[in-house]
Amino acid sequence: MLKKICNFLSGIIVCVLAMLASALLIPKAMGYEEMAVLTGSMEPEYPVGSLIYVKQIDPNLLQVDDVITYRMGEDTVVTHRIVEMNLKEGTVITKGDANEKEDGKPVEFNQIIGKAEFKIPYLGYVSMNIKTQTGIMAICGVLIAIILLTFIPEIFSNEEEVKKISKKKNRLEAKNM
């Protein structure tokens, strides 16, 4: 019974890990770039903690109402909706869905990383934290749990076998007396 329970639990953990790995790796292999949502500027469509999958696109193919991700400085990446386009100047005006005003400065086509294609809510938290010290410790903890769930039934079954053998030995000794 213990073996069935441990196998069931380890199976669930492995399935969850496989789904997470698939959600993080398969889109990357298909050419999507992952972006975690850090602020509420695009809520409710893109809640904080979502993982947005962005696909590179020719800026000339973009349209008003498309959601794009662009670089705003070296370390800052923003995902906002296009509210106006100027093809002659090669710029777009963007605005966060939850923001009152348009973004202050036009975004040049060369700043655009790509168009947001789809999202997975809450997966951004995993993506953001998996590379931190806490995330690495959590992964190690999960791996230890899988190892323990694999070996616990064997440990306890060996103890039960020793007890059974000891009982049989005691019965045989009692019969022989």
C-alpha atoms as a PDB file:
ATOM      1  CA  MET A   1       0.000   0.000   0.000  1.00  0.00           C
ATOM      2  CA  LEU A   2       2.814   2.407   0.916  1.00  0.00           C
ATOM      3  CA  LYS A   3       4.519   1.668  -2.372  1.00  0.00           C
ATOM      4  CA  LYS A   4       1.348   2.547  -4.328  1.00  0.00           C
ATOM      5  CA  ILE A   5       0.941   5.842  -2.468  1.00  0.00           C
ATOM      6  CA  CYS A   6       4.593   6.818  -2.981  1.00  0.00           C
ATOM      7  CA  ASN A   7       4.469   5.867  -6.665  1.00  0.00           C
ATOM      8  CA  PHE A   8       1.283   7.902  -7.103  1.00  0.00           C
ATOM      9  CA  LEU A   9       2.785  10.982  -5.399  1.00  0.00           C
ATOM     10  CA  SER A  10       6.065  10.781  -7.309  1.00  0.00           C
ATOM     11  CA  GLY A  11       4.094  10.312 -10.547  1.00  0.00           C
ATOM     12  CA  ILE A  12       2.111  13.489  -9.874  1.00  0.00           C
ATOM     13  CA  ILE A  13       5.290  15.447  -9.114  1.00  0.00           C
ATOM     14  CA  VAL A  14       7.008  14.190 -12.270  1.00  0.00           C
ATOM     15  CA  CYS A  15       3.919  15.046 -14.387  1.00  0.00           C
ATOM     16  CA  VAL A  16       3.766  18.584 -12.972  1.00  0.00           C
ATOM     17  CA  LEU A  17       7.493  19.058 -13.605  1.00  0.00           C
ATOM     18  CA  ALA A  18       7.126  17.749 -17.161  1.00  0.00           C
ATOM     19  CA  MET A  19       4.240  20.155 -17.853  1.00  0.00           C
ATOM     20  CA  LEU A  20       6.213  23.102 -16.457  1.00  0.00           C
ATOM     21  CA  ALA A  21       9.291  22.153 -18.475  1.00  0.00           C
ATOM     22  CA  SER A  22       7.159  21.799 -21.607  1.00  0.00           C
ATOM     23  CA  ALA A  23       5.519  25.187 -21.093  1.00  0.00           C
ATOM     24  CA  LEU A  24       8.936  26.801 -20.660  1.00  0.00           C
ATOM     25  CA  LEU A  25      10.934  24.939 -23.310  1.00  0.00           C
ATOM     26  CA  ILE A  26       8.643  24.072 -26.244  1.00  0.00           C
ATOM     27  CA  PRO A  27       7.662  27.683 -27.109  1.00  0.00           C
ATOM     28  CA  LYS A  28      11.335  28.683 -26.870  1.00  0.00           C
ATOM     29  CA  ALA A  29      12.177  25.982 -29.411  1.00  0.00           C
ATOM     30  CA  MET A  30       9.421  27.351 -31.668  1.00  0.00           C
ATOM     31  CA  GLY A  31      11.015  30.813 -31.725  1.00  0.00           C
ATOM     32  CA  TYR A  32       9.033  32.534 -28.980  1.00  0.00           C
ATOM     33  CA  GLU A  33      10.702  34.674 -26.368  1.00  0.00           C
ATOM     34  CA  GLU A  34       9.334  34.525 -22.838  1.00  0.00           C
ATOM     35  CA  MET A  35       8.586  37.662 -20.854  1.00  0.00           C
ATOM     36  CA  ALA A  36       7.319  37.671 -17.281  1.00  0.00           C
ATOM     37  CA  VAL A  37       4.774  40.370 -16.409  1.00  0.00           C
ATOM     38  CA  LEU A  38       6.130  42.391 -13.493  1.00  0.00           C
ATOM     39  CA  THR A  39       3.624  45.266 -13.278  1.00  0.00           C
ATOM     40  CA  GLY A  40      -0.114  45.743 -13.571  1.00  0.00           C
ATOM     41  CA  SER A  41      -0.012  48.159 -16.524  1.00  0.00           C
ATOM     42  CA  MET A  42      -1.640  45.603 -18.866  1.00  0.00           C
ATOM     43  CA  GLU A  43      -4.228  44.188 -16.479  1.00  0.00           C
ATOM     44  CA  PRO A  44      -6.695  42.550 -16.707  1.00  0.00           C
ATOM     45  CA  GLU A  45      -5.578  40.959 -19.996  1.00  0.00           C
ATOM     46  CA  TYR A  46      -2.015  40.308 -18.789  1.00  0.00           C
ATOM     47  CA  PRO A  47      -2.062  39.956 -14.981  1.00  0.00           C
ATOM     48  CA  VAL A  48       1.091  40.297 -12.902  1.00  0.00           C
ATOM     49  CA  GLY A  49       2.914  36.962 -12.820  1.00  0.00           C
ATOM     50  CA  SER A  50       1.806  35.868 -16.284  1.00  0.00           C
ATOM     51  CA  LEU A  51       4.312  34.591 -18.799  1.00  0.00           C
ATOM     52  CA  ILE A  52       3.895  36.252 -22.201  1.00  0.00           C
ATOM     53  CA  TYR A  53       5.221  34.546 -25.316  1.00  0.00           C
ATOM     54  CA  VAL A  54       6.514  37.067 -27.825  1.00  0.00           C
ATOM     55  CA  LYS A  55       7.247  36.296 -31.480  1.00  0.00           C
ATOM     56  CA  GLN A  56       9.543  38.449 -33.587  1.00  0.00           C
ATOM     57  CA  ILE A  57       7.628  40.232 -36.362  1.00  0.00           C
ATOM     58  CA  ASP A  58       8.322  42.749 -39.083  1.00  0.00           C
ATOM     59  CA  PRO A  59       7.177  46.062 -37.510  1.00  0.00           C
ATOM     60  CA  ASN A  60       5.535  47.043 -40.814  1.00  0.00           C
ATOM     61  CA  LEU A  61       3.050  44.186 -40.295  1.00  0.00           C
ATOM     62  CA  LEU A  62       1.928  45.460 -36.887  1.00  0.00           C
ATOM     63  CA  GLN A  63      -1.460  47.113 -36.463  1.00  0.00           C
ATOM     64  CA  VAL A  64      -3.137  49.384 -33.982  1.00  0.00           C
ATOM     65  CA  ASP A  65      -4.400  47.285 -31.024  1.00  0.00           C
ATOM     66  CA  ASP A  66      -1.551  44.734 -31.269  1.00  0.00           C
ATOM     67  CA  VAL A  67       0.318  44.115 -28.034  1.00  0.00           C
ATOM     68  CA  ILE A  68       4.062  44.460 -28.478  1.00  0.00           C
ATOM     69  CA  THR A  69       7.144  44.055 -26.347  1.00  0.00           C
ATOM     70  CA  TYR A  70       9.907  46.597 -26.819  1.00  0.00           C
ATOM     71  CA  ARG A  71      13.156  47.745 -25.263  1.00  0.00           C
ATOM     72  CA  MET A  72      13.050  50.986 -23.346  1.00  0.00           C
ATOM     73  CA  GLY A  73      16.703  51.426 -22.442  1.00  0.00           C
ATOM     74  CA  GLU A  74      19.290  48.694 -21.943  1.00  0.00           C
ATOM     75  CA  ASP A  75      17.711  46.864 -19.008  1.00  0.00           C
ATOM     76  CA  THR A  76      14.029  47.713 -19.359  1.00  0.00           C
ATOM     77  CA  VAL A  77      11.539  45.761 -21.443  1.00  0.00           C
ATOM     78  CA  VAL A  78       7.911  46.875 -21.736  1.00  0.00           C
ATOM     79  CA  THR A  79       4.808  45.139 -23.079  1.00  0.00           C
ATOM     80  CA  HIS A  80       2.057  47.584 -24.091  1.00  0.00           C
ATOM     81  CA  ARG A  81      -0.671  47.959 -26.707  1.00  0.00           C
ATOM     82  CA  ILE A  82      -0.194  49.976 -29.903  1.00  0.00           C
ATOM     83  CA  VAL A  83      -2.628  52.903 -30.005  1.00  0.00           C
ATOM     84  CA  GLU A  84      -1.133  54.761 -32.976  1.00  0.00           C
ATOM     85  CA  MET A  85       1.299  54.000 -35.798  1.00  0.00           C
ATOM     86  CA  ASN A  86       3.465  56.235 -37.950  1.00  0.00           C
ATOM     87  CA  LEU A  87       4.896  54.130 -40.772  1.00  0.00           C
ATOM     88  CA  LYS A  88       6.714  57.087 -42.363  1.00  0.00           C
ATOM     89  CA  GLU A  89       8.709  57.769 -39.199  1.00  0.00           C
ATOM     90  CA  GLY A  90       8.900  54.098 -38.232  1.00  0.00           C
ATOM     91  CA  THR A  91       7.388  54.627 -34.803  1.00  0.00           C
ATOM     92  CA  VAL A  92       4.408  53.519 -32.734  1.00  0.00           C
ATOM     93  CA  ILE A  93       2.682  55.076 -29.750  1.00  0.00           C
ATOM     94  CA  THR A  94       1.852  52.589 -26.990  1.00  0.00           C
ATOM     95  CA  LYS A  95      -0.245  52.541 -23.855  1.00  0.00           C
ATOM     96  CA  GLY A  96      -0.740  50.088 -21.034  1.00  0.00           C
ATOM     97  CA  ASP A  97      -4.362  48.877 -20.826  1.00  0.00           C
ATOM     98  CA  ALA A  98      -4.568  49.905 -17.167  1.00  0.00           C
ATOM     99  CA  ASN A  99      -2.819  53.249 -17.689  1.00  0.00           C
ATOM    100  CA  GLU A 100      -4.687  56.543 -18.063  1.00  0.00           C
ATOM    101  CA  LYS A 101      -2.279  58.079 -20.571  1.00  0.00           C
ATOM    102  CA  GLU A 102      -0.271  56.964 -23.558  1.00  0.00           C
ATOM    103  CA  ASP A 103       3.407  56.245 -23.024  1.00  0.00           C
ATOM    104  CA  GLY A 104       5.441  59.448 -23.188  1.00  0.00           C
ATOM    105  CA  LYS A 105       7.837  58.712 -26.012  1.00  0.00           C
ATOM    106  CA  PRO A 106       7.202  57.060 -29.406  1.00  0.00           C
ATOM    107  CA  VAL A 107       8.710  53.589 -29.802  1.00  0.00           C
ATOM    108  CA  GLU A 108      10.976  53.201 -32.807  1.00  0.00           C
ATOM    109  CA  PHE A 109      10.672  50.060 -34.917  1.00  0.00           C
ATOM    110  CA  ASN A 110      14.238  49.022 -34.010  1.00  0.00           C
ATOM    111  CA  GLN A 111      13.238  48.896 -30.317  1.00  0.00           C
ATOM    112  CA  ILE A 112      10.456  46.361 -30.921  1.00  0.00           C
ATOM    113  CA  ILE A 113      11.277  42.815 -29.816  1.00  0.00           C
ATOM    114  CA  GLY A 114       8.060  41.295 -31.107  1.00  0.00           C
ATOM    115  CA  LYS A 115       4.326  40.823 -30.835  1.00  0.00           C
ATOM    116  CA  ALA A 116       2.725  39.135 -27.817  1.00  0.00           C
ATOM    117  CA  GLU A 117       1.063  35.960 -29.124  1.00  0.00           C
ATOM    118  CA  PHE A 118      -0.220  34.202 -25.997  1.00  0.00           C
ATOM    119  CA  LYS A 119       0.175  34.016 -22.236  1.00  0.00           C
ATOM    120  CA  ILE A 120       0.069  31.544 -19.380  1.00  0.00           C
ATOM    121  CA  PRO A 121      -1.111  33.047 -16.075  1.00  0.00           C
ATOM    122  CA  TYR A 122       1.122  32.577 -12.987  1.00  0.00           C
ATOM    123  CA  LEU A 123       3.910  30.833 -14.917  1.00  0.00           C
ATOM    124  CA  GLY A 124       5.877  34.074 -14.878  1.00  0.00           C
ATOM    125  CA  TYR A 125       6.393  33.639 -11.132  1.00  0.00           C
ATOM    126  CA  VAL A 126       8.055  30.286 -11.797  1.00  0.00           C
ATOM    127  CA  SER A 127      10.138  31.703 -14.631  1.00  0.00           C
ATOM    128  CA  MET A 128      11.292  34.662 -12.529  1.00  0.00           C
ATOM    129  CA  ASN A 129      12.137  32.658  -9.419  1.00  0.00           C
ATOM    130  CA  ILE A 130      13.601  29.481 -10.887  1.00  0.00           C
ATOM    131  CA  LYS A 131      17.034  31.108 -11.258  1.00  0.00           C
ATOM    132  CA  THR A 132      17.148  32.572  -7.743  1.00  0.00           C
ATOM    133  CA  GLN A 133      18.716  30.907  -4.727  1.00  0.00           C
ATOM    134  CA  THR A 134      15.262  30.094  -3.356  1.00  0.00           C
ATOM    135  CA  GLY A 135      14.191  28.628  -6.704  1.00  0.00           C
ATOM    136  CA  ILE A 136      17.268  26.417  -6.907  1.00  0.00           C
ATOM    137  CA  MET A 137      16.650  25.229  -3.336  1.00  0.00           C
ATOM    138  CA  ALA A 138      13.013  24.467  -4.239  1.00  0.00           C
ATOM    139  CA  ILE A 139      14.118  22.410  -7.256  1.00  0.00           C
ATOM    140  CA  CYS A 140      16.576  20.501  -5.064  1.00  0.00           C
ATOM    141  CA  GLY A 141      13.794  19.920  -2.536  1.00  0.00           C
ATOM    142  CA  VAL A 142      11.494  18.519  -5.212  1.00  0.00           C
ATOM    143  CA  LEU A 143      14.234  16.224  -6.494  1.00  0.00           C
ATOM    144  CA  ILE A 144      14.939  15.006  -2.948  1.00  0.00           C
ATOM    145  CA  ALA A 145      11.199  14.365  -2.473  1.00  0.00           C
ATOM    146  CA  ILE A 146      11.113  12.266  -5.660  1.00  0.00           C
ATOM    147  CA  ILE A 147      14.151  10.276  -4.515  1.00  0.00           C
ATOM    148  CA  LEU A 148      12.630   9.716  -1.065  1.00  0.00           C
ATOM    149  CA  LEU A 149       9.290   8.669  -2.531  1.00  0.00           C
ATOM    150  CA  THR A 150      11.157   6.163  -4.672  1.00  0.00           C
ATOM    151  CA  PHE A 151      13.177   4.602  -1.857  1.00  0.00           C
ATOM    152  CA  ILE A 152      10.858   4.840   1.186  1.00  0.00           C
ATOM    153  CA  PRO A 153       8.741   1.816   0.154  1.00  0.00           C
ATOM    154  CA  GLU A 154      11.892  -0.290  -0.235  1.00  0.00           C
ATOM    155  CA  ILE A 155      13.207   0.765   3.170  1.00  0.00           C
ATOM    156  CA  PHE A 156       9.940  -0.046   4.921  1.00  0.00           C
ATOM    157  CA  SER A 157       9.359  -3.249   2.959  1.00  0.00           C
ATOM    158  CA  ASN A 158      12.815  -4.504   4.029  1.00  0.00           C
ATOM    159  CA  GLU A 159      11.950  -3.811   7.672  1.00  0.00           C
ATOM    160  CA  GLU A 160       8.652  -5.673   7.281  1.00  0.00           C
ATOM    161  CA  GLU A 161      10.447  -8.635   5.694  1.00  0.00           C
ATOM    162  CA  VAL A 162      12.948  -8.737   8.569  1.00  0.00           C
ATOM    163  CA  LYS A 163      10.053  -8.745  11.056  1.00  0.00           C
ATOM    164  CA  LYS A 164       8.279 -11.559   9.146  1.00  0.00           C
ATOM    165  CA  ILE A 165      11.469 -13.645   9.030  1.00  0.00           C
ATOM    166  CA  SER A 166      12.017 -13.014  12.746  1.00  0.00           C
ATOM    167  CA  LYS A 167       8.451 -14.116  13.565  1.00  0.00           C
ATOM    168  CA  LYS A 168       8.824 -17.270  11.445  1.00  0.00           C
ATOM    169  CA  LYS A 169      12.119 -18.032  13.163  1.00  0.00           C
ATOM    170  CA  ASN A 170      10.524 -17.563  16.599  1.00  0.00           C
ATOM    171  CA  ARG A 171       7.621 -19.870  15.645  1.00  0.00           C
ATOM    172  CA  LEU A 172      10.015 -22.555  14.406  1.00  0.00           C
ATOM    173  CA  GLU A 173      12.056 -22.299  17.582  1.00  0.00           C
ATOM    174  CA  ALA A 174       8.875 -22.556  19.682  1.00  0.00           C
ATOM    175  CA  LYS A 175       7.768 -25.671  17.755  1.00  0.00           C
ATOM    176  CA  ASN A 176      11.150 -27.312  18.165  1.00  0.00           C
ATOM    177  CA  MET A 177      11.154 -26.853  21.923  1.00  0.00           C
END
